[in-house]
Amino acid sequence: LLALLALIVARPAAQPVGPFDVLIIGGRVIDGTGTPWRIADVGIVGGRIARIGRLAGAAATRRIDAAGLVVAPGFVDPHAHARDRLFDLPTADGYVFQGITTVVDGNDGSSPLP
């Protein structure tokens, strides 16, 4: 009992988290490692993920409720024929709305555009 009490007393206090630029709360986080998804919050600072965990009480400039949604890293389309479409719509909405952040084009021997 004394050993347990000593561990509790010696444990450092939890460090405050945040403030975050963006805090995504309560989403099903898929981190890309192959582990099963889990409900978690994602804190972002300067466009980069700063922390993943239980962060709902943290300070944030913008909060996004992701309950019932999936939060995942960007996806790669390894064999796209996107070259012409990207000139028609340079914002690449068709890719971005699907979570695709990287497109590999020309890997089947096609030549570059003039």
PDB file of N, CA and C in Angstrom:
ATOM      1  N   LEU A   1       0.833  -1.197   0.000  1.00  0.00           N
ATOM      2  CA  LEU A   1       0.000   0.000   0.000  1.00  0.00           C
ATOM      3  C   LEU A   1       0.875   1.257   0.000  1.00  0.00           C
ATOM      4  N   LEU A   2       1.934   1.235   0.814  1.00  0.00           N
ATOM      5  CA  LEU A   2       2.825   2.386   0.868  1.00  0.00           C
ATOM      6  C   LEU A   2       3.537   2.602  -0.470  1.00  0.00           C
ATOM      7  N   ALA A   3       3.913   1.512  -1.130  1.00  0.00           N
ATOM      8  CA  ALA A   3       4.577   1.628  -2.435  1.00  0.00           C
ATOM      9  C   ALA A   3       3.640   2.259  -3.460  1.00  0.00           C
ATOM     10  N   LEU A   4       2.383   1.856  -3.450  1.00  0.00           N
ATOM     11  CA  LEU A   4       1.400   2.436  -4.368  1.00  0.00           C
ATOM     12  C   LEU A   4       1.202   3.913  -4.083  1.00  0.00           C
ATOM     13  N   LEU A   5       1.101   4.273  -2.822  1.00  0.00           N
ATOM     14  CA  LEU A   5       0.950   5.676  -2.439  1.00  0.00           C
ATOM     15  C   LEU A   5       2.168   6.485  -2.880  1.00  0.00           C
ATOM     16  N   ALA A   6       3.363   5.921  -2.735  1.00  0.00           N
ATOM     17  CA  ALA A   6       4.584   6.606  -3.159  1.00  0.00           C
ATOM     18  C   ALA A   6       4.590   6.842  -4.666  1.00  0.00           C
ATOM     19  N   LEU A   7       4.106   5.859  -5.438  1.00  0.00           N
ATOM     20  CA  LEU A   7       4.040   6.032  -6.889  1.00  0.00           C
ATOM     21  C   LEU A   7       3.062   7.140  -7.281  1.00  0.00           C
ATOM     22  N   ILE A   8       1.948   7.174  -6.596  1.00  0.00           N
ATOM     23  CA  ILE A   8       0.942   8.200  -6.911  1.00  0.00           C
ATOM     24  C   ILE A   8       1.473   9.592  -6.586  1.00  0.00           C
ATOM     25  N   VAL A   9       2.115   9.749  -5.454  1.00  0.00           N
ATOM     26  CA  VAL A   9       2.642  11.044  -5.041  1.00  0.00           C
ATOM     27  C   VAL A   9       3.799  11.467  -5.932  1.00  0.00           C
ATOM     28  N   ALA A  10       4.646  10.517  -6.329  1.00  0.00           N
ATOM     29  CA  ALA A  10       5.833  10.832  -7.134  1.00  0.00           C
ATOM     30  C   ALA A  10       5.506  11.064  -8.602  1.00  0.00           C
ATOM     31  N   ARG A  11       4.324  10.684  -9.035  1.00  0.00           N
ATOM     32  CA  ARG A  11       3.930  10.842 -10.427  1.00  0.00           C
ATOM     33  C   ARG A  11       3.854  12.319 -10.777  1.00  0.00           C
ATOM     34  N   PRO A  12       4.493  12.736 -11.875  1.00  0.00           N
ATOM     35  CA  PRO A  12       4.427  14.151 -12.233  1.00  0.00           C
ATOM     36  C   PRO A  12       3.009  14.561 -12.623  1.00  0.00           C
ATOM     37  N   ALA A  13       2.690  15.803 -12.369  1.00  0.00           N
ATOM     38  CA  ALA A  13       1.368  16.325 -12.735  1.00  0.00           C
ATOM     39  C   ALA A  13       1.230  16.324 -14.249  1.00  0.00           C
ATOM     40  N   ALA A  14       0.022  16.106 -14.714  1.00  0.00           N
ATOM     41  CA  ALA A  14      -0.241  16.098 -16.160  1.00  0.00           C
ATOM     42  C   ALA A  14       0.104  17.465 -16.748  1.00  0.00           C
ATOM     43  N   GLN A  15       0.802  17.437 -17.853  1.00  0.00           N
ATOM     44  CA  GLN A  15       1.173  18.676 -18.522  1.00  0.00           C
ATOM     45  C   GLN A  15      -0.036  19.239 -19.267  1.00  0.00           C
ATOM     46  N   PRO A  16      -0.267  20.530 -19.190  1.00  0.00           N
ATOM     47  CA  PRO A  16      -1.378  21.102 -19.949  1.00  0.00           C
ATOM     48  C   PRO A  16      -1.106  20.953 -21.440  1.00  0.00           C
ATOM     49  N   VAL A  17      -2.160  20.768 -22.201  1.00  0.00           N
ATOM     50  CA  VAL A  17      -2.020  20.627 -23.643  1.00  0.00           C
ATOM     51  C   VAL A  17      -2.617  21.833 -24.344  1.00  0.00           C
ATOM     52  N   GLY A  18      -2.109  22.086 -25.534  1.00  0.00           N
ATOM     53  CA  GLY A  18      -2.611  23.199 -26.306  1.00  0.00           C
ATOM     54  C   GLY A  18      -1.820  24.448 -25.972  1.00  0.00           C
ATOM     55  N   PRO A  19      -2.200  25.574 -26.455  1.00  0.00           N
ATOM     56  CA  PRO A  19      -3.346  25.734 -27.349  1.00  0.00           C
ATOM     57  C   PRO A  19      -3.029  25.224 -28.751  1.00  0.00           C
ATOM     58  N   PHE A  20      -4.059  24.754 -29.407  1.00  0.00           N
ATOM     59  CA  PHE A  20      -3.932  24.238 -30.762  1.00  0.00           C
ATOM     60  C   PHE A  20      -4.538  25.230 -31.743  1.00  0.00           C
ATOM     61  N   ASP A  21      -4.032  25.216 -32.963  1.00  0.00           N
ATOM     62  CA  ASP A  21      -4.666  26.008 -34.019  1.00  0.00           C
ATOM     63  C   ASP A  21      -6.001  25.377 -34.386  1.00  0.00           C
ATOM     64  N   VAL A  22      -5.980  24.055 -34.534  1.00  0.00           N
ATOM     65  CA  VAL A  22      -7.180  23.280 -34.865  1.00  0.00           C
ATOM     66  C   VAL A  22      -7.238  22.083 -33.934  1.00  0.00           C
ATOM     67  N   LEU A  23      -8.430  21.777 -33.453  1.00  0.00           N
ATOM     68  CA  LEU A  23      -8.643  20.605 -32.621  1.00  0.00           C
ATOM     69  C   LEU A  23      -9.798  19.814 -33.225  1.00  0.00           C
ATOM     70  N   ILE A  24      -9.486  18.603 -33.700  1.00  0.00           N
ATOM     71  CA  ILE A  24     -10.491  17.710 -34.274  1.00  0.00           C
ATOM     72  C   ILE A  24     -10.901  16.761 -33.157  1.00  0.00           C
ATOM     73  N   ILE A  25     -12.181  16.798 -32.799  1.00  0.00           N
ATOM     74  CA  ILE A  25     -12.645  16.112 -31.595  1.00  0.00           C
ATOM     75  C   ILE A  25     -13.516  14.902 -31.930  1.00  0.00           C
ATOM     76  N   GLY A  26     -13.202  13.782 -31.285  1.00  0.00           N
ATOM     77  CA  GLY A  26     -14.087  12.620 -31.256  1.00  0.00           C
ATOM     78  C   GLY A  26     -14.198  11.822 -32.529  1.00  0.00           C
ATOM     79  N   GLY A  27     -13.225  11.900 -33.409  1.00  0.00           N
ATOM     80  CA  GLY A  27     -13.285  11.131 -34.654  1.00  0.00           C
ATOM     81  C   GLY A  27     -12.706   9.745 -34.492  1.00  0.00           C
ATOM     82  N   ARG A  28     -13.012   8.888 -35.455  1.00  0.00           N
ATOM     83  CA  ARG A  28     -12.392   7.557 -35.520  1.00  0.00           C
ATOM     84  C   ARG A  28     -11.039   7.742 -36.189  1.00  0.00           C
ATOM     85  N   VAL A  29      -9.987   7.725 -35.413  1.00  0.00           N
ATOM     86  CA  VAL A  29      -8.650   8.012 -35.924  1.00  0.00           C
ATOM     87  C   VAL A  29      -8.026   6.739 -36.491  1.00  0.00           C
ATOM     88  N   ILE A  30      -7.633   6.817 -37.760  1.00  0.00           N
ATOM     89  CA  ILE A  30      -6.870   5.766 -38.424  1.00  0.00           C
ATOM     90  C   ILE A  30      -5.516   6.393 -38.704  1.00  0.00           C
ATOM     91  N   ASP A  31      -4.471   5.883 -38.052  1.00  0.00           N
ATOM     92  CA  ASP A  31      -3.175   6.567 -38.106  1.00  0.00           C
ATOM     93  C   ASP A  31      -2.228   6.063 -39.180  1.00  0.00           C
ATOM     94  N   GLY A  32      -2.624   5.058 -39.938  1.00  0.00           N
ATOM     95  CA  GLY A  32      -1.775   4.582 -41.023  1.00  0.00           C
ATOM     96  C   GLY A  32      -0.764   3.531 -40.613  1.00  0.00           C
ATOM     97  N   THR A  33      -0.763   3.110 -39.352  1.00  0.00           N
ATOM     98  CA  THR A  33       0.198   2.109 -38.892  1.00  0.00           C
ATOM     99  C   THR A  33      -0.322   0.691 -39.025  1.00  0.00           C
ATOM    100  N   GLY A  34      -1.597   0.535 -39.355  1.00  0.00           N
ATOM    101  CA  GLY A  34      -2.191  -0.792 -39.449  1.00  0.00           C
ATOM    102  C   GLY A  34      -2.933  -1.220 -38.196  1.00  0.00           C
ATOM    103  N   THR A  35      -2.841  -0.413 -37.142  1.00  0.00           N
ATOM    104  CA  THR A  35      -3.585  -0.732 -35.925  1.00  0.00           C
ATOM    105  C   THR A  35      -5.051  -0.359 -36.133  1.00  0.00           C
ATOM    106  N   PRO A  36      -5.958  -0.992 -35.376  1.00  0.00           N
ATOM    107  CA  PRO A  36      -7.378  -0.655 -35.525  1.00  0.00           C
ATOM    108  C   PRO A  36      -7.647   0.809 -35.194  1.00  0.00           C
ATOM    109  N   TRP A  37      -8.720   1.338 -35.765  1.00  0.00           N
ATOM    110  CA  TRP A  37      -9.085   2.724 -35.477  1.00  0.00           C
ATOM    111  C   TRP A  37      -9.437   2.848 -33.998  1.00  0.00           C
ATOM    112  N   ARG A  38      -9.380   4.092 -33.510  1.00  0.00           N
ATOM    113  CA  ARG A  38      -9.768   4.381 -32.136  1.00  0.00           C
ATOM    114  C   ARG A  38     -10.390   5.772 -32.091  1.00  0.00           C
ATOM    115  N   ILE A  39     -11.274   5.974 -31.150  1.00  0.00           N
ATOM    116  CA  ILE A  39     -11.863   7.301 -30.950  1.00  0.00           C
ATOM    117  C   ILE A  39     -10.815   8.155 -30.250  1.00  0.00           C
ATOM    118  N   ALA A  40     -10.484   9.307 -30.848  1.00  0.00           N
ATOM    119  CA  ALA A  40      -9.472  10.192 -30.265  1.00  0.00           C
ATOM    120  C   ALA A  40      -9.672  11.597 -30.803  1.00  0.00           C
ATOM    121  N   ASP A  41      -8.946  12.520 -30.213  1.00  0.00           N
ATOM    122  CA  ASP A  41      -8.916  13.905 -30.661  1.00  0.00           C
ATOM    123  C   ASP A  41      -7.549  14.151 -31.288  1.00  0.00           C
ATOM    124  N   VAL A  42      -7.492  15.084 -32.236  1.00  0.00           N
ATOM    125  CA  VAL A  42      -6.239  15.400 -32.916  1.00  0.00           C
ATOM    126  C   VAL A  42      -6.004  16.906 -32.796  1.00  0.00           C
ATOM    127  N   GLY A  43      -4.862  17.268 -32.195  1.00  0.00           N
ATOM    128  CA  GLY A  43      -4.492  18.674 -32.046  1.00  0.00           C
ATOM    129  C   GLY A  43      -3.465  19.052 -33.095  1.00  0.00           C
ATOM    130  N   ILE A  44      -3.711  20.157 -33.787  1.00  0.00           N
ATOM    131  CA  ILE A  44      -2.842  20.603 -34.878  1.00  0.00           C
ATOM    132  C   ILE A  44      -2.290  21.986 -34.556  1.00  0.00           C
ATOM    133  N   VAL A  45      -0.981  22.141 -34.748  1.00  0.00           N
ATOM    134  CA  VAL A  45      -0.302  23.431 -34.551  1.00  0.00           C
ATOM    135  C   VAL A  45       0.576  23.675 -35.773  1.00  0.00           C
ATOM    136  N   GLY A  46       0.420  24.826 -36.400  1.00  0.00           N
ATOM    137  CA  GLY A  46       1.252  25.171 -37.547  1.00  0.00           C
ATOM    138  C   GLY A  46       1.111  24.213 -38.717  1.00  0.00           C
ATOM    139  N   GLY A  47      -0.077  23.644 -38.895  1.00  0.00           N
ATOM    140  CA  GLY A  47      -0.309  22.740 -40.010  1.00  0.00           C
ATOM    141  C   GLY A  47       0.212  21.330 -39.787  1.00  0.00           C
ATOM    142  N   ARG A  48       0.681  21.032 -38.585  1.00  0.00           N
ATOM    143  CA  ARG A  48       1.214  19.694 -38.273  1.00  0.00           C
ATOM    144  C   ARG A  48       0.495  19.106 -37.064  1.00  0.00           C
ATOM    145  N   ILE A  49       0.361  17.798 -37.078  1.00  0.00           N
ATOM    146  CA  ILE A  49      -0.248  17.122 -35.933  1.00  0.00           C
ATOM    147  C   ILE A  49       0.701  17.247 -34.742  1.00  0.00           C
ATOM    148  N   ALA A  50       0.195  17.826 -33.662  1.00  0.00           N
ATOM    149  CA  ALA A  50       1.011  18.029 -32.466  1.00  0.00           C
ATOM    150  C   ALA A  50       0.735  16.964 -31.411  1.00  0.00           C
ATOM    151  N   ARG A  51      -0.498  16.484 -31.345  1.00  0.00           N
ATOM    152  CA  ARG A  51      -0.838  15.493 -30.328  1.00  0.00           C
ATOM    153  C   ARG A  51      -2.122  14.774 -30.724  1.00  0.00           C
ATOM    154  N   ILE A  52      -2.181  13.479 -30.364  1.00  0.00           N
ATOM    155  CA  ILE A  52      -3.374  12.663 -30.550  1.00  0.00           C
ATOM    156  C   ILE A  52      -3.705  12.053 -29.198  1.00  0.00           C
ATOM    157  N   GLY A  53      -4.970  12.133 -28.803  1.00  0.00           N
ATOM    158  CA  GLY A  53      -5.381  11.571 -27.515  1.00  0.00           C
ATOM    159  C   GLY A  53      -6.686  12.183 -27.075  1.00  0.00           C
ATOM    160  N   ARG A  54      -6.871  12.265 -25.774  1.00  0.00           N
ATOM    161  CA  ARG A  54      -8.067  12.903 -25.205  1.00  0.00           C
ATOM    162  C   ARG A  54      -7.743  14.369 -24.974  1.00  0.00           C
ATOM    163  N   LEU A  55      -8.203  15.219 -25.881  1.00  0.00           N
ATOM    164  CA  LEU A  55      -7.823  16.631 -25.857  1.00  0.00           C
ATOM    165  C   LEU A  55      -9.016  17.575 -25.842  1.00  0.00           C
ATOM    166  N   ALA A  56     -10.204  17.057 -25.654  1.00  0.00           N
ATOM    167  CA  ALA A  56     -11.424  17.862 -25.780  1.00  0.00           C
ATOM    168  C   ALA A  56     -11.416  19.106 -24.909  1.00  0.00           C
ATOM    169  N   GLY A  57     -10.737  19.072 -23.765  1.00  0.00           N
ATOM    170  CA  GLY A  57     -10.710  20.232 -22.873  1.00  0.00           C
ATOM    171  C   GLY A  57      -9.630  21.245 -23.205  1.00  0.00           C
ATOM    172  N   ALA A  58      -8.812  20.966 -24.219  1.00  0.00           N
ATOM    173  CA  ALA A  58      -7.693  21.850 -24.554  1.00  0.00           C
ATOM    174  C   ALA A  58      -8.172  23.106 -25.273  1.00  0.00           C
ATOM    175  N   ALA A  59      -7.366  24.160 -25.168  1.00  0.00           N
ATOM    176  CA  ALA A  59      -7.665  25.411 -25.866  1.00  0.00           C
ATOM    177  C   ALA A  59      -7.342  25.254 -27.351  1.00  0.00           C
ATOM    178  N   ALA A  60      -8.182  25.846 -28.183  1.00  0.00           N
ATOM    179  CA  ALA A  60      -7.969  25.773 -29.632  1.00  0.00           C
ATOM    180  C   ALA A  60      -8.629  26.955 -30.308  1.00  0.00           C
ATOM    181  N   THR A  61      -8.002  27.426 -31.382  1.00  0.00           N
ATOM    182  CA  THR A  61      -8.572  28.515 -32.158  1.00  0.00           C
ATOM    183  C   THR A  61      -9.817  28.053 -32.912  1.00  0.00           C
ATOM    184  N   ARG A  62      -9.736  26.843 -33.452  1.00  0.00           N
ATOM    185  CA  ARG A  62     -10.861  26.282 -34.214  1.00  0.00           C
ATOM    186  C   ARG A  62     -11.098  24.848 -33.763  1.00  0.00           C
ATOM    187  N   ARG A  63     -12.352  24.489 -33.563  1.00  0.00           N
ATOM    188  CA  ARG A  63     -12.733  23.131 -33.168  1.00  0.00           C
ATOM    189  C   ARG A  63     -13.592  22.508 -34.255  1.00  0.00           C
ATOM    190  N   ILE A  64     -13.299  21.241 -34.539  1.00  0.00           N
ATOM    191  CA  ILE A  64     -14.077  20.501 -35.530  1.00  0.00           C
ATOM    192  C   ILE A  64     -14.618  19.254 -34.846  1.00  0.00           C
ATOM    193  N   ASP A  65     -15.949  19.107 -34.849  1.00  0.00           N
ATOM    194  CA  ASP A  65     -16.570  17.921 -34.262  1.00  0.00           C
ATOM    195  C   ASP A  65     -16.563  16.814 -35.310  1.00  0.00           C
ATOM    196  N   ALA A  66     -15.785  15.763 -35.061  1.00  0.00           N
ATOM    197  CA  ALA A  66     -15.663  14.664 -36.012  1.00  0.00           C
ATOM    198  C   ALA A  66     -16.394  13.414 -35.538  1.00  0.00           C
ATOM    199  N   ALA A  67     -17.308  13.555 -34.597  1.00  0.00           N
ATOM    200  CA  ALA A  67     -18.054  12.400 -34.104  1.00  0.00           C
ATOM    201  C   ALA A  67     -18.746  11.701 -35.268  1.00  0.00           C
ATOM    202  N   GLY A  68     -18.551  10.391 -35.369  1.00  0.00           N
ATOM    203  CA  GLY A  68     -19.153   9.611 -36.448  1.00  0.00           C
ATOM    204  C   GLY A  68     -18.384   9.679 -37.753  1.00  0.00           C
ATOM    205  N   LEU A  69     -17.270  10.416 -37.780  1.00  0.00           N
ATOM    206  CA  LEU A  69     -16.469  10.564 -38.991  1.00  0.00           C
ATOM    207  C   LEU A  69     -15.102   9.909 -38.798  1.00  0.00           C
ATOM    208  N   VAL A  70     -14.397   9.702 -39.900  1.00  0.00           N
ATOM    209  CA  VAL A  70     -13.060   9.117 -39.859  1.00  0.00           C
ATOM    210  C   VAL A  70     -12.033  10.220 -40.047  1.00  0.00           C
ATOM    211  N   VAL A  71     -10.996  10.201 -39.228  1.00  0.00           N
ATOM    212  CA  VAL A  71      -9.871  11.125 -39.345  1.00  0.00           C
ATOM    213  C   VAL A  71      -8.667  10.272 -39.738  1.00  0.00           C
ATOM    214  N   ALA A  72      -8.081  10.561 -40.904  1.00  0.00           N
ATOM    215  CA  ALA A  72      -6.981   9.735 -41.413  1.00  0.00           C
ATOM    216  C   ALA A  72      -5.974  10.618 -42.133  1.00  0.00           C
ATOM    217  N   PRO A  73      -4.731  10.114 -42.273  1.00  0.00           N
ATOM    218  CA  PRO A  73      -3.742  10.861 -43.059  1.00  0.00           C
ATOM    219  C   PRO A  73      -4.148  10.850 -44.531  1.00  0.00           C
ATOM    220  N   GLY A  74      -3.519  11.673 -45.326  1.00  0.00           N
ATOM    221  CA  GLY A  74      -3.823  11.713 -46.745  1.00  0.00           C
ATOM    222  C   GLY A  74      -3.514  10.388 -47.427  1.00  0.00           C
ATOM    223  N   PHE A  75      -4.267  10.094 -48.478  1.00  0.00           N
ATOM    224  CA  PHE A  75      -4.084   8.869 -49.226  1.00  0.00           C
ATOM    225  C   PHE A  75      -3.276   9.133 -50.489  1.00  0.00           C
ATOM    226  N   VAL A  76      -2.589   8.110 -50.982  1.00  0.00           N
ATOM    227  CA  VAL A  76      -1.767   8.202 -52.187  1.00  0.00           C
ATOM    228  C   VAL A  76      -2.470   7.456 -53.307  1.00  0.00           C
ATOM    229  N   ASP A  77      -2.610   8.096 -54.473  1.00  0.00           N
ATOM    230  CA  ASP A  77      -3.102   7.425 -55.675  1.00  0.00           C
ATOM    231  C   ASP A  77      -1.856   7.074 -56.484  1.00  0.00           C
ATOM    232  N   PRO A  78      -1.424   5.800 -56.449  1.00  0.00           N
ATOM    233  CA  PRO A  78      -0.134   5.436 -57.036  1.00  0.00           C
ATOM    234  C   PRO A  78      -0.126   5.291 -58.556  1.00  0.00           C
ATOM    235  N   HIS A  79      -1.293   5.351 -59.170  1.00  0.00           N
ATOM    236  CA  HIS A  79      -1.327   5.194 -60.626  1.00  0.00           C
ATOM    237  C   HIS A  79      -2.460   6.042 -61.184  1.00  0.00           C
ATOM    238  N   ALA A  80      -2.231   7.308 -61.241  1.00  0.00           N
ATOM    239  CA  ALA A  80      -3.261   8.234 -61.700  1.00  0.00           C
ATOM    240  C   ALA A  80      -3.015   8.630 -63.151  1.00  0.00           C
ATOM    241  N   HIS A  81      -4.064   8.989 -63.807  1.00  0.00           N
ATOM    242  CA  HIS A  81      -3.981   9.617 -65.123  1.00  0.00           C
ATOM    243  C   HIS A  81      -4.606  10.995 -64.934  1.00  0.00           C
ATOM    244  N   ALA A  82      -3.919  11.795 -64.149  1.00  0.00           N
ATOM    245  CA  ALA A  82      -4.484  13.050 -63.663  1.00  0.00           C
ATOM    246  C   ALA A  82      -3.984  14.269 -64.401  1.00  0.00           C
ATOM    247  N   ARG A  83      -2.979  14.119 -65.202  1.00  0.00           N
ATOM    248  CA  ARG A  83      -2.297  15.279 -65.775  1.00  0.00           C
ATOM    249  C   ARG A  83      -3.262  16.259 -66.453  1.00  0.00           C
ATOM    250  N   ASP A  84      -4.075  15.781 -67.347  1.00  0.00           N
ATOM    251  CA  ASP A  84      -4.992  16.683 -68.055  1.00  0.00           C
ATOM    252  C   ASP A  84      -6.046  17.265 -67.125  1.00  0.00           C
ATOM    253  N   ARG A  85      -6.570  16.451 -66.231  1.00  0.00           N
ATOM    254  CA  ARG A  85      -7.615  16.925 -65.321  1.00  0.00           C
ATOM    255  C   ARG A  85      -7.099  17.995 -64.368  1.00  0.00           C
ATOM    256  N   LEU A  86      -5.852  17.905 -63.968  1.00  0.00           N
ATOM    257  CA  LEU A  86      -5.311  18.903 -63.042  1.00  0.00           C
ATOM    258  C   LEU A  86      -5.194  20.269 -63.706  1.00  0.00           C
ATOM    259  N   PHE A  87      -4.980  20.305 -65.018  1.00  0.00           N
ATOM    260  CA  PHE A  87      -4.955  21.595 -65.712  1.00  0.00           C
ATOM    261  C   PHE A  87      -6.359  22.167 -65.840  1.00  0.00           C
ATOM    262  N   ASP A  88      -7.354  21.298 -65.962  1.00  0.00           N
ATOM    263  CA  ASP A  88      -8.746  21.761 -66.044  1.00  0.00           C
ATOM    264  C   ASP A  88      -9.250  22.280 -64.701  1.00  0.00           C
ATOM    265  N   LEU A  89      -8.829  21.646 -63.628  1.00  0.00           N
ATOM    266  CA  LEU A  89      -9.255  22.037 -62.285  1.00  0.00           C
ATOM    267  C   LEU A  89      -8.051  21.949 -61.352  1.00  0.00           C
ATOM    268  N   PRO A  90      -7.221  23.009 -61.320  1.00  0.00           N
ATOM    269  CA  PRO A  90      -5.965  22.965 -60.562  1.00  0.00           C
ATOM    270  C   PRO A  90      -6.128  22.782 -59.055  1.00  0.00           C
ATOM    271  N   THR A  91      -7.309  23.007 -58.512  1.00  0.00           N
ATOM    272  CA  THR A  91      -7.522  22.790 -57.077  1.00  0.00           C
ATOM    273  C   THR A  91      -7.668  21.307 -56.748  1.00  0.00           C
ATOM    274  N   ALA A  92      -7.774  20.462 -57.777  1.00  0.00           N
ATOM    275  CA  ALA A  92      -7.838  19.000 -57.632  1.00  0.00           C
ATOM    276  C   ALA A  92      -8.943  18.556 -56.682  1.00  0.00           C
ATOM    277  N   ASP A  93     -10.083  19.216 -56.745  1.00  0.00           N
ATOM    278  CA  ASP A  93     -11.192  18.902 -55.836  1.00  0.00           C
ATOM    279  C   ASP A  93     -11.561  17.419 -55.851  1.00  0.00           C
ATOM    280  N   GLY A  94     -11.573  16.802 -57.028  1.00  0.00           N
ATOM    281  CA  GLY A  94     -11.945  15.392 -57.123  1.00  0.00           C
ATOM    282  C   GLY A  94     -11.037  14.491 -56.308  1.00  0.00           C
ATOM    283  N   TYR A  95      -9.798  14.867 -56.157  1.00  0.00           N
ATOM    284  CA  TYR A  95      -8.866  14.092 -55.340  1.00  0.00           C
ATOM    285  C   TYR A  95      -8.967  14.491 -53.871  1.00  0.00           C
ATOM    286  N   VAL A  96      -8.924  15.773 -53.612  1.00  0.00           N
ATOM    287  CA  VAL A  96      -8.901  16.265 -52.232  1.00  0.00           C
ATOM    288  C   VAL A  96     -10.157  15.848 -51.472  1.00  0.00           C
ATOM    289  N   PHE A  97     -11.323  15.898 -52.112  1.00  0.00           N
ATOM    290  CA  PHE A  97     -12.559  15.519 -51.431  1.00  0.00           C
ATOM    291  C   PHE A  97     -12.589  14.042 -51.071  1.00  0.00           C
ATOM    292  N   GLN A  98     -11.735  13.233 -51.711  1.00  0.00           N
ATOM    293  CA  GLN A  98     -11.635  11.812 -51.377  1.00  0.00           C
ATOM    294  C   GLN A  98     -10.495  11.535 -50.407  1.00  0.00           C
ATOM    295  N   GLY A  99      -9.761  12.571 -50.010  1.00  0.00           N
ATOM    296  CA  GLY A  99      -8.658  12.401 -49.076  1.00  0.00           C
ATOM    297  C   GLY A  99      -7.336  12.088 -49.752  1.00  0.00           C
ATOM    298  N   ILE A 100      -7.288  12.167 -51.083  1.00  0.00           N
ATOM    299  CA  ILE A 100      -6.047  11.895 -51.801  1.00  0.00           C
ATOM    300  C   ILE A 100      -5.208  13.161 -51.786  1.00  0.00           C
ATOM    301  N   THR A 101      -3.996  13.039 -51.227  1.00  0.00           N
ATOM    302  CA  THR A 101      -3.117  14.199 -51.132  1.00  0.00           C
ATOM    303  C   THR A 101      -1.869  14.064 -51.985  1.00  0.00           C
ATOM    304  N   THR A 102      -1.610  12.864 -52.511  1.00  0.00           N
ATOM    305  CA  THR A 102      -0.442  12.634 -53.356  1.00  0.00           C
ATOM    306  C   THR A 102      -0.863  11.824 -54.570  1.00  0.00           C
ATOM    307  N   VAL A 103      -0.481  12.301 -55.758  1.00  0.00           N
ATOM    308  CA  VAL A 103      -0.821  11.629 -57.007  1.00  0.00           C
ATOM    309  C   VAL A 103       0.463  11.323 -57.762  1.00  0.00           C
ATOM    310  N   VAL A 104       0.622  10.076 -58.200  1.00  0.00           N
ATOM    311  CA  VAL A 104       1.763   9.673 -59.020  1.00  0.00           C
ATOM    312  C   VAL A 104       1.254   9.525 -60.443  1.00  0.00           C
ATOM    313  N   ASP A 105       1.810  10.297 -61.359  1.00  0.00           N
ATOM    314  CA  ASP A 105       1.343  10.284 -62.746  1.00  0.00           C
ATOM    315  C   ASP A 105       2.506   9.954 -63.667  1.00  0.00           C
ATOM    316  N   GLY A 106       2.213   9.356 -64.794  1.00  0.00           N
ATOM    317  CA  GLY A 106       3.228   9.087 -65.801  1.00  0.00           C
ATOM    318  C   GLY A 106       4.041   7.838 -65.546  1.00  0.00           C
ATOM    319  N   ASN A 107       3.599   6.998 -64.618  1.00  0.00           N
ATOM    320  CA  ASN A 107       4.381   5.811 -64.300  1.00  0.00           C
ATOM    321  C   ASN A 107       4.157   4.655 -65.277  1.00  0.00           C
ATOM    322  N   ASP A 108       3.337   4.871 -66.286  1.00  0.00           N
ATOM    323  CA  ASP A 108       3.113   3.814 -67.274  1.00  0.00           C
ATOM    324  C   ASP A 108       3.749   4.165 -68.621  1.00  0.00           C
ATOM    325  N   GLY A 109       4.718   5.051 -68.600  1.00  0.00           N
ATOM    326  CA  GLY A 109       5.451   5.376 -69.814  1.00  0.00           C
ATOM    327  C   GLY A 109       4.937   6.557 -70.590  1.00  0.00           C
ATOM    328  N   SER A 110       3.943   7.259 -70.073  1.00  0.00           N
ATOM    329  CA  SER A 110       3.440   8.414 -70.792  1.00  0.00           C
ATOM    330  C   SER A 110       4.487   9.512 -70.772  1.00  0.00           C
ATOM    331  N   SER A 111       4.476  10.322 -71.797  1.00  0.00           N
ATOM    332  CA  SER A 111       5.478  11.384 -71.910  1.00  0.00           C
ATOM    333  C   SER A 111       4.979  12.655 -71.248  1.00  0.00           C
ATOM    334  N   PRO A 112       5.896  13.533 -70.872  1.00  0.00           N
ATOM    335  CA  PRO A 112       5.482  14.781 -70.251  1.00  0.00           C
ATOM    336  C   PRO A 112       4.756  15.683 -71.251  1.00  0.00           C
ATOM    337  N   LEU A 113       3.962  16.562 -70.710  1.00  0.00           N
ATOM    338  CA  LEU A 113       3.227  17.502 -71.561  1.00  0.00           C
ATOM    339  C   LEU A 113       4.209  18.499 -72.177  1.00  0.00           C
ATOM    340  N   PRO A 114       3.887  19.006 -73.366  1.00  0.00           N
ATOM    341  CA  PRO A 114       4.768  19.986 -74.006  1.00  0.00           C
ATOM    342  C   PRO A 114       4.815  21.294 -73.233  1.00  0.00           C
TER     343      PRO A 114
END
